Structures are given as C-alpha cells and as structure tokens.
C-alpha atoms as a PDB file:
ATOM      1  CA  MET A   1      40.954  -1.034  -5.521  1.00  0.00           C
ATOM      2  CA  THR A   2      39.644   1.002  -2.531  1.00  0.00           C
ATOM      3  CA  GLY A   3      40.802  -1.177   0.501  1.00  0.00           C
ATOM      4  CA  VAL A   4      38.321  -1.517   3.196  1.00  0.00           C
ATOM      5  CA  ASP A   5      40.574  -2.855   5.840  1.00  0.00           C
ATOM      6  CA  ASP A   6      42.393   0.202   6.264  1.00  0.00           C
ATOM      7  CA  ALA A   7      39.435   2.685   5.307  1.00  0.00           C
ATOM      8  CA  PRO A   8      38.977   5.007   8.191  1.00  0.00           C
ATOM      9  CA  ASP A   9      35.256   4.170  10.029  1.00  0.00           C
ATOM     10  CA  THR A  10      33.881   8.096   8.071  1.00  0.00           C
ATOM     11  CA  ALA A  11      30.317   8.281   6.503  1.00  0.00           C
ATOM     12  CA  SER A  12      32.232   8.767   3.211  1.00  0.00           C
ATOM     13  CA  ALA A  13      34.058   5.434   3.458  1.00  0.00           C
ATOM     14  CA  HIS A  14      30.804   3.847   4.052  1.00  0.00           C
ATOM     15  CA  ARG A  15      28.709   5.943   1.523  1.00  0.00           C
ATOM     16  CA  ALA A  16      31.344   4.351  -1.245  1.00  0.00           C
ATOM     17  CA  LEU A  17      31.463   0.839   0.040  1.00  0.00           C
ATOM     18  CA  ARG A  18      27.352   1.265  -0.102  1.00  0.00           C
ATOM     19  CA  ASP A  19      28.203   2.268  -3.656  1.00  0.00           C
ATOM     20  CA  ALA A  20      30.064  -0.959  -4.084  1.00  0.00           C
ATOM     21  CA  PHE A  21      27.290  -3.074  -3.002  1.00  0.00           C
ATOM     22  CA  GLY A  22      24.769  -0.990  -4.726  1.00  0.00           C
ATOM     23  CA  ARG A  23      26.189  -2.663  -8.309  1.00  0.00           C
ATOM     24  CA  PHE A  24      24.518  -5.897  -7.225  1.00  0.00           C
ATOM     25  CA  PRO A  25      20.692  -5.698  -8.500  1.00  0.00           C
ATOM     26  CA  SER A  26      18.436  -7.201  -6.014  1.00  0.00           C
ATOM     27  CA  GLY A  27      14.807  -7.792  -5.496  1.00  0.00           C
ATOM     28  CA  VAL A  28      12.834  -5.740  -3.020  1.00  0.00           C
ATOM     29  CA  VAL A  29      10.666  -7.323  -0.493  1.00  0.00           C
ATOM     30  CA  SER A  30       8.272  -6.485   2.448  1.00  0.00           C
ATOM     31  CA  ALA A  31       7.881  -8.468   5.788  1.00  0.00           C
ATOM     32  CA  CYS A  32       4.706  -7.332   7.187  1.00  0.00           C
ATOM     33  CA  ALA A  33       2.092  -8.542  10.032  1.00  0.00           C
ATOM     34  CA  ARG A  34      -0.597  -7.823  11.880  1.00  0.00           C
ATOM     35  CA  VAL A  35       0.727  -7.012  15.418  1.00  0.00           C
ATOM     36  CA  ASP A  36      -2.250  -6.388  18.388  1.00  0.00           C
ATOM     37  CA  GLY A  37      -4.552  -5.807  15.104  1.00  0.00           C
ATOM     38  CA  ALA A  38      -2.214  -2.959  13.487  1.00  0.00           C
ATOM     39  CA  PRO A  39      -0.239  -3.627  10.612  1.00  0.00           C
ATOM     40  CA  VAL A  40       3.568  -3.378  11.039  1.00  0.00           C
ATOM     41  CA  GLY A  41       6.324  -3.714   8.480  1.00  0.00           C
ATOM     42  CA  MET A  42       9.358  -2.521   6.464  1.00  0.00           C
ATOM     43  CA  ALA A  43      10.936  -3.000   3.037  1.00  0.00           C
ATOM     44  CA  MET A  44      14.012  -4.941   2.499  1.00  0.00           C
ATOM     45  CA  SER A  45      16.409  -5.511  -0.376  1.00  0.00           C
ATOM     46  CA  SER A  46      18.647  -7.960   1.322  1.00  0.00           C
ATOM     47  CA  PHE A  47      16.853 -11.215   0.402  1.00  0.00           C
ATOM     48  CA  THR A  48      17.571 -14.533  -1.061  1.00  0.00           C
ATOM     49  CA  SER A  49      16.465 -18.184  -1.324  1.00  0.00           C
ATOM     50  CA  VAL A  50      18.348 -20.645   0.746  1.00  0.00           C
ATOM     51  CA  SER A  51      17.018 -24.198   0.343  1.00  0.00           C
ATOM     52  CA  LEU A  52      14.290 -26.141  -1.226  1.00  0.00           C
ATOM     53  CA  ASP A  53      14.400 -29.026   1.382  1.00  0.00           C
ATOM     54  CA  PRO A  54      13.877 -27.403   4.178  1.00  0.00           C
ATOM     55  CA  PRO A  55      12.251 -24.388   2.231  1.00  0.00           C
ATOM     56  CA  LEU A  56      14.117 -21.648   3.809  1.00  0.00           C
ATOM     57  CA  VAL A  57      14.536 -17.839   2.607  1.00  0.00           C
ATOM     58  CA  LEU A  58      17.079 -15.212   4.118  1.00  0.00           C
ATOM     59  CA  VAL A  59      16.546 -11.641   5.080  1.00  0.00           C
ATOM     60  CA  CYS A  60      19.060  -9.012   6.190  1.00  0.00           C
ATOM     61  CA  VAL A  61      17.873  -6.496   9.026  1.00  0.00           C
ATOM     62  CA  ASP A  62      19.732  -3.293  10.267  1.00  0.00           C
ATOM     63  CA  ARG A  63      20.412  -3.854  13.916  1.00  0.00           C
ATOM     64  CA  ALA A  64      19.093  -0.125  14.500  1.00  0.00           C
ATOM     65  CA  SER A  65      15.665  -1.143  13.317  1.00  0.00           C
ATOM     66  CA  SER A  66      12.825  -0.561  15.652  1.00  0.00           C
ATOM     67  CA  THR A  67      10.446  -2.272  13.443  1.00  0.00           C
ATOM     68  CA  TRP A  68      12.410  -5.652  13.205  1.00  0.00           C
ATOM     69  CA  PRO A  69      11.586  -6.613  17.298  1.00  0.00           C
ATOM     70  CA  LYS A  70       7.967  -6.277  16.798  1.00  0.00           C
ATOM     71  CA  LEU A  71       8.018  -8.276  13.478  1.00  0.00           C
ATOM     72  CA  ARG A  72      10.289 -11.052  14.977  1.00  0.00           C
ATOM     73  CA  GLU A  73       7.928 -11.390  18.180  1.00  0.00           C
ATOM     74  CA  ARG A  74       4.975 -11.660  15.856  1.00  0.00           C
ATOM     75  CA  ALA A  75       7.027 -14.039  13.732  1.00  0.00           C
ATOM     76  CA  GLU A  76       8.200 -16.632  16.489  1.00  0.00           C
ATOM     77  CA  GLY A  77       4.792 -17.954  17.340  1.00  0.00           C
ATOM     78  CA  GLU A  78       3.012 -16.773  14.176  1.00  0.00           C
ATOM     79  CA  ARG A  79       3.622 -16.034  10.658  1.00  0.00           C
ATOM     80  CA  LEU A  80       5.017 -13.226   8.503  1.00  0.00           C
ATOM     81  CA  GLY A  81       4.122 -12.214   5.124  1.00  0.00           C
ATOM     82  CA  ILE A  82       7.095 -11.614   2.418  1.00  0.00           C
ATOM     83  CA  SER A  83       5.903 -10.222  -0.425  1.00  0.00           C
ATOM     84  CA  VAL A  84       8.009  -9.906  -3.426  1.00  0.00           C
ATOM     85  CA  LEU A  85       7.347  -6.383  -4.639  1.00  0.00           C
ATOM     86  CA  GLY A  86       6.260  -5.946  -8.305  1.00  0.00           C
ATOM     87  CA  GLU A  87       7.278  -3.715 -10.913  1.00  0.00           C
ATOM     88  CA  ALA A  88       4.639  -0.950 -10.251  1.00  0.00           C
ATOM     89  CA  HIS A  89       5.866  -0.834  -6.771  1.00  0.00           C
ATOM     90  CA  ASP A  90       8.475   1.693  -6.257  1.00  0.00           C
ATOM     91  CA  ALA A  91       6.455   4.212  -4.158  1.00  0.00           C
ATOM     92  CA  THR A  92       5.059   1.262  -2.317  1.00  0.00           C
ATOM     93  CA  ALA A  93       8.827   0.243  -1.457  1.00  0.00           C
ATOM     94  CA  ARG A  94       9.591   3.906  -0.166  1.00  0.00           C
ATOM     95  CA  GLN A  95       6.807   4.025   1.563  1.00  0.00           C
ATOM     96  CA  LEU A  96       7.477   1.067   3.579  1.00  0.00           C
ATOM     97  CA  ALA A  97      10.813   2.046   4.221  1.00  0.00           C
ATOM     98  CA  SER A  98       9.728   5.415   5.330  1.00  0.00           C
ATOM     99  CA  ARG A  99      11.171   6.137   9.315  1.00  0.00           C
ATOM    100  CA  THR A 100       8.660   9.026   9.494  1.00  0.00           C
ATOM    101  CA  ALA A 101       5.430   8.537   7.425  1.00  0.00           C
ATOM    102  CA  ASP A 102       2.491   6.168   7.718  1.00  0.00           C
ATOM    103  CA  ARG A 103       4.132   3.207   6.186  1.00  0.00           C
ATOM    104  CA  PHE A 104       0.656   1.704   5.648  1.00  0.00           C
ATOM    105  CA  ALA A 105      -1.699   4.772   4.517  1.00  0.00           C
ATOM    106  CA  GLY A 106      -3.429   3.803   1.114  1.00  0.00           C
ATOM    107  CA  LEU A 107      -1.847   0.578   0.646  1.00  0.00           C
ATOM    108  CA  SER A 108      -3.894  -2.230  -0.312  1.00  0.00           C
ATOM    109  CA  LEU A 109      -3.026  -5.241   1.721  1.00  0.00           C
ATOM    110  CA  VAL A 110      -4.178  -8.817   2.117  1.00  0.00           C
ATOM    111  CA  ASP A 111      -4.288 -10.833   5.260  1.00  0.00           C
ATOM    112  CA  GLY A 112      -2.748 -14.282   5.443  1.00  0.00           C
ATOM    113  CA  VAL A 113      -2.810 -17.105   8.100  1.00  0.00           C
ATOM    114  CA  GLY A 114      -1.285 -16.284  11.526  1.00  0.00           C
ATOM    115  CA  GLY A 115      -0.937 -12.877  11.174  1.00  0.00           C
ATOM    116  CA  ALA A 116       0.735 -12.545   7.935  1.00  0.00           C
ATOM    117  CA  LEU A 117      -0.010  -9.481   6.220  1.00  0.00           C
ATOM    118  CA  PHE A 118       0.750  -9.107   2.255  1.00  0.00           C
ATOM    119  CA  VAL A 119       0.951  -6.406  -0.376  1.00  0.00           C
ATOM    120  CA  ASP A 120      -1.567  -6.548  -3.043  1.00  0.00           C
ATOM    121  CA  GLY A 121       0.102  -6.686  -6.536  1.00  0.00           C
ATOM    122  CA  ALA A 122       2.948  -8.388  -5.433  1.00  0.00           C
ATOM    123  CA  ALA A 123       4.834 -10.575  -7.532  1.00  0.00           C
ATOM    124  CA  ALA A 124       5.017 -13.390  -4.730  1.00  0.00           C
ATOM    125  CA  TRP A 125       3.749 -13.930  -1.247  1.00  0.00           C
ATOM    126  CA  LEU A 126       5.800 -16.187   0.884  1.00  0.00           C
ATOM    127  CA  GLU A 127       4.255 -17.029   4.347  1.00  0.00           C
ATOM    128  CA  CYS A 128       7.220 -17.615   6.644  1.00  0.00           C
ATOM    129  CA  SER A 129       8.314 -17.988  10.192  1.00  0.00           C
ATOM    130  CA  VAL A 130      11.664 -17.247  12.086  1.00  0.00           C
ATOM    131  CA  ALA A 131      13.999 -20.116  12.025  1.00  0.00           C
ATOM    132  CA  GLU A 132      17.024 -18.685  13.220  1.00  0.00           C
ATOM    133  CA  GLU A 133      18.997 -15.320  13.598  1.00  0.00           C
ATOM    134  CA  LEU A 134      22.853 -15.016  13.349  1.00  0.00           C
ATOM    135  CA  PRO A 135      25.082 -11.973  13.906  1.00  0.00           C
ATOM    136  CA  GLY A 136      26.295 -10.210  10.657  1.00  0.00           C
ATOM    137  CA  GLY A 137      27.951  -6.918  11.431  1.00  0.00           C
ATOM    138  CA  ASP A 138      25.519  -4.500  11.872  1.00  0.00           C
ATOM    139  CA  HIS A 139      22.984  -6.487  10.344  1.00  0.00           C
ATOM    140  CA  VAL A 140      21.062  -9.395  11.715  1.00  0.00           C
ATOM    141  CA  VAL A 141      20.998 -12.213   9.092  1.00  0.00           C
ATOM    142  CA  VAL A 142      17.324 -13.936   9.429  1.00  0.00           C
ATOM    143  CA  LEU A 143      16.530 -17.071   8.328  1.00  0.00           C
ATOM    144  CA  LEU A 144      13.077 -17.939   7.747  1.00  0.00           C
ATOM    145  CA  ARG A 145      11.017 -21.039   7.351  1.00  0.00           C
ATOM    146  CA  LEU A 146       8.634 -21.177   4.442  1.00  0.00           C
ATOM    147  CA  HIS A 147       5.237 -22.781   5.020  1.00  0.00           C
ATOM    148  CA  ALA A 148       3.173 -21.345   2.350  1.00  0.00           C
ATOM    149  CA  HIS A 149       3.963 -19.285  -1.280  1.00  0.00           C
ATOM    150  CA  ARG A 150       1.760 -17.759  -4.052  1.00  0.00           C
ATOM    151  CA  VAL A 151       3.289 -16.813  -7.403  1.00  0.00           C
ATOM    152  CA  LEU A 152       1.498 -13.691  -8.904  1.00  0.00           C
ATOM    153  CA  GLU A 153       1.485 -11.813 -12.146  1.00  0.00           C
ATOM    154  CA  PRO A 154       3.651  -8.873 -12.185  1.00  0.00           C
ATOM    155  CA  GLY A 155       7.319  -8.815 -12.655  1.00  0.00           C
ATOM    156  CA  PRO A 156       9.557  -8.219  -9.834  1.00  0.00           C
ATOM    157  CA  LEU A 157      10.806  -4.653  -8.563  1.00  0.00           C
ATOM    158  CA  VAL A 158      14.631  -4.277  -8.732  1.00  0.00           C
ATOM    159  CA  PHE A 159      16.934  -1.963  -6.496  1.00  0.00           C
ATOM    160  CA  HIS A 160      20.081  -1.082  -8.088  1.00  0.00           C
ATOM    161  CA  ALA A 161      22.436   1.593  -7.633  1.00  0.00           C
ATOM    162  CA  SER A 162      20.372   3.097  -5.058  1.00  0.00           C
ATOM    163  CA  GLY A 163      17.482   3.377  -7.453  1.00  0.00           C
ATOM    164  CA  PHE A 164      14.351   1.202  -8.315  1.00  0.00           C
ATOM    165  CA  THR A 165      14.395  -0.273 -11.897  1.00  0.00           C
ATOM    166  CA  THR A 166      12.164  -3.399 -13.573  1.00  0.00           C
ATOM    167  CA  VAL A 167      13.455  -6.408 -15.279  1.00  0.00           C
ATOM    168  CA  ALA A 168      12.868  -6.264 -19.054  1.00  0.00           C
ATOM    169  CA  ALA A 169      11.008  -9.106 -20.581  1.00  0.00           C
ATOM    170  CA  ALA A 170      13.177 -11.791 -22.463  1.00  0.00           C
ATOM    171  CA  PRO A 171      12.777 -12.033 -26.141  1.00  0.00           C
ATOM    172  CA  ALA A 172      10.424 -14.950 -27.175  1.00  0.00           C
ATOM    173  CA  GLY A 173      12.347 -17.940 -28.917  1.00  0.00           C
END
C-alpha cells in the first residue's frame, strides 16, 4: 500500500492518488445555466444522489474552478440544470471540461425553468438550486436541492480509469 499521509506533495503522488480514485467508475454530469443570456457550464464526475426527502444530490467542484462561482451565483436565486450525460456524450463531456475551447459550440441545449440549461440527449435532467456548500480539501462539496426531474432514453456515460465507457445492458431474465 502507498501511504498518503507520508507521501510528498508532488505531481507524481497526486497522479498515483488520482489513479487509485479512478478505479471507481462514476457517471458524468454537466451543470449548466444561462447567465446574462449566455450558456455557462462544466462537466463533473463527482456526483451522487443523497436523499429522497428532501430530494438532494451532491457534486464536488475544484476550488480553482472559474466556472463554478458564476453557476453558484445563478443557482442561489434561480435554477441550475444537471444533465446526466448519455452514452453518446463522450465528446460533449470533453468539450464541457475544456479550459480553452468554446464549451457550447455545436451542442444542442434545452432551456429549463429559471435559467436551468440541459444537454439534449442526456439520460436524465435534474433542475436544482444550491442548498449548501461545504469545504472538501481542494474541492467544494455542493449539496443541491432537486426541484424537478425527467428521465430520458439513453444509458449513462461512465468515467473510469481516466476514460469514458458505457454500461453494458443486463441480460434479460
């Protein structure tokens, strides 16, 4: 086992830890909204459901993100669109994660209530607002209150070992 308490704070130690975390497959979501009429958003793989009553989900955002403050400000009084990206959205996920390219060039988007913005063809849409933020090391843990949802057709996109894959259909029976 590699000890993380004694590991030097180096790029190689962080890469090794990311590789260990990457062994856990996760879904991929986008968080998007219209801010001053323009689409703003990002891709995230740290997402989970939290509670049915009240309906809550959780995302984790890098503290260094320049996008999250814009979305947070919008979602405090209005709504944020969480799209569970579908199996055909691997290029969309990369585009929404880009730090340099136009994240929305060529994407088909659907406007929701209160500024929420959804990716067309997603596996599910969740209309949310920020309920609470908590410190989480180099990330912010964001608890989102769910106001509405819609389940759509495609299967989910999965992030695993720093790459994208899909979920194989379970055999009938």
